[in-house]
């Protein structure tokens, strides 16, 4: 009986991990959108949006890479487990 209880608690944790991957990926997309709005409206000029080798450029790049890695990975894992 204790093994069944452990299994019941373990299954939702796996689904939560997949959801967290997708959520982090979606958050990365939101950061990309924010950086493009910030560049368009010249918000936070210290980030030097649109300039190569600037903090804004690397924030945009890193969040895009995370988004394009984590969101599809979470979706793929979810699809393969069903």
Protein backbone atom coordinates (compact mmCIF):
# COMPACT_ATOMS: atom_id res chain seq x y z
CA UNK A 1 0.00 0.00 0.00
CA UNK A 2 2.74 2.58 0.70
CA UNK A 3 4.10 2.12 -2.84
CA UNK A 4 0.73 3.11 -4.31
CA UNK A 5 0.67 6.27 -2.21
CA UNK A 6 4.17 7.15 -3.40
CA UNK A 7 3.12 6.56 -7.00
CA UNK A 8 0.05 8.79 -6.63
CA UNK A 9 2.19 11.66 -5.39
CA UNK A 10 4.88 11.11 -8.02
CA UNK A 11 2.65 11.29 -11.13
CA UNK A 12 1.39 14.87 -10.61
CA UNK A 13 4.97 16.05 -9.97
CA UNK A 14 6.00 14.86 -13.44
CA UNK A 15 3.13 16.74 -15.05
CA UNK A 16 4.06 19.83 -13.08
CA UNK A 17 7.62 19.66 -14.40
CA UNK A 18 6.35 19.57 -17.97
CA UNK A 19 4.04 22.49 -17.29
CA UNK A 20 6.92 24.41 -15.74
CA UNK A 21 9.01 23.89 -18.87
CA UNK A 22 6.19 25.24 -21.00
CA UNK A 23 5.62 28.14 -18.62
CA UNK A 24 9.29 29.10 -18.65
CA UNK A 25 9.27 28.93 -22.44
CA UNK A 26 6.17 31.09 -22.65
CA UNK A 27 7.79 33.54 -20.23
CA UNK A 28 10.77 33.73 -22.56
CA UNK A 29 8.43 34.67 -25.42
CA UNK A 30 6.89 37.37 -23.21
CA UNK A 31 10.35 38.81 -22.50
CA UNK A 32 11.10 38.87 -26.24
CA UNK A 33 7.89 40.80 -26.85
CA UNK A 34 8.74 43.21 -24.02
CA UNK A 35 12.23 43.84 -25.38
CA UNK A 36 10.83 44.65 -28.81
CA UNK A 37 8.30 47.08 -27.30
CA UNK A 38 11.05 48.63 -25.20
CA UNK A 39 13.15 49.09 -28.32
CA UNK A 40 10.23 50.56 -30.28
CA UNK A 41 9.21 53.06 -27.57
CA UNK A 42 12.76 53.71 -26.30
CA UNK A 43 12.02 52.45 -22.78
CA UNK A 44 15.00 51.91 -20.50
CA UNK A 45 17.54 53.60 -22.78
CA UNK A 46 20.42 52.34 -20.65
CA UNK A 47 19.86 48.87 -22.11
CA UNK A 48 20.79 50.26 -25.57
CA UNK A 49 18.12 48.25 -27.36
CA UNK A 50 19.01 47.25 -30.92
CA UNK A 51 22.75 47.80 -30.47
CA UNK A 52 25.03 44.80 -30.89
CA UNK A 53 26.93 43.73 -27.74
CA UNK A 54 24.52 45.57 -25.47
CA UNK A 55 22.68 44.18 -22.43
CA UNK A 56 19.35 44.57 -24.26
CA UNK A 57 20.62 42.53 -27.18
CA UNK A 58 21.77 39.69 -24.95
CA UNK A 59 18.55 39.73 -22.90
CA UNK A 60 16.54 39.43 -26.11
CA UNK A 61 18.80 36.69 -27.47
CA UNK A 62 18.88 34.64 -24.26
CA UNK A 63 15.12 34.80 -23.75
CA UNK A 64 14.49 33.83 -27.38
CA UNK A 65 16.81 30.83 -27.09
CA UNK A 66 15.16 29.74 -23.84
CA UNK A 67 11.70 30.18 -25.29
CA UNK A 68 12.50 28.25 -28.46
CA UNK A 69 14.08 25.46 -26.43
CA UNK A 70 11.87 25.02 -23.38
CA UNK A 71 8.38 25.54 -24.78
CA UNK A 72 8.64 22.99 -27.62
CA UNK A 73 10.49 20.55 -25.35
CA UNK A 74 7.71 20.68 -22.78
CA UNK A 75 5.08 20.31 -25.48
CA UNK A 76 6.90 17.37 -27.09
CA UNK A 77 7.29 15.54 -23.78
CA UNK A 78 3.62 16.14 -23.02
CA UNK A 79 2.56 14.85 -26.46
CA UNK A 80 4.74 11.76 -26.26
CA UNK A 81 3.41 10.75 -22.84
CA UNK A 82 -0.22 10.75 -23.89
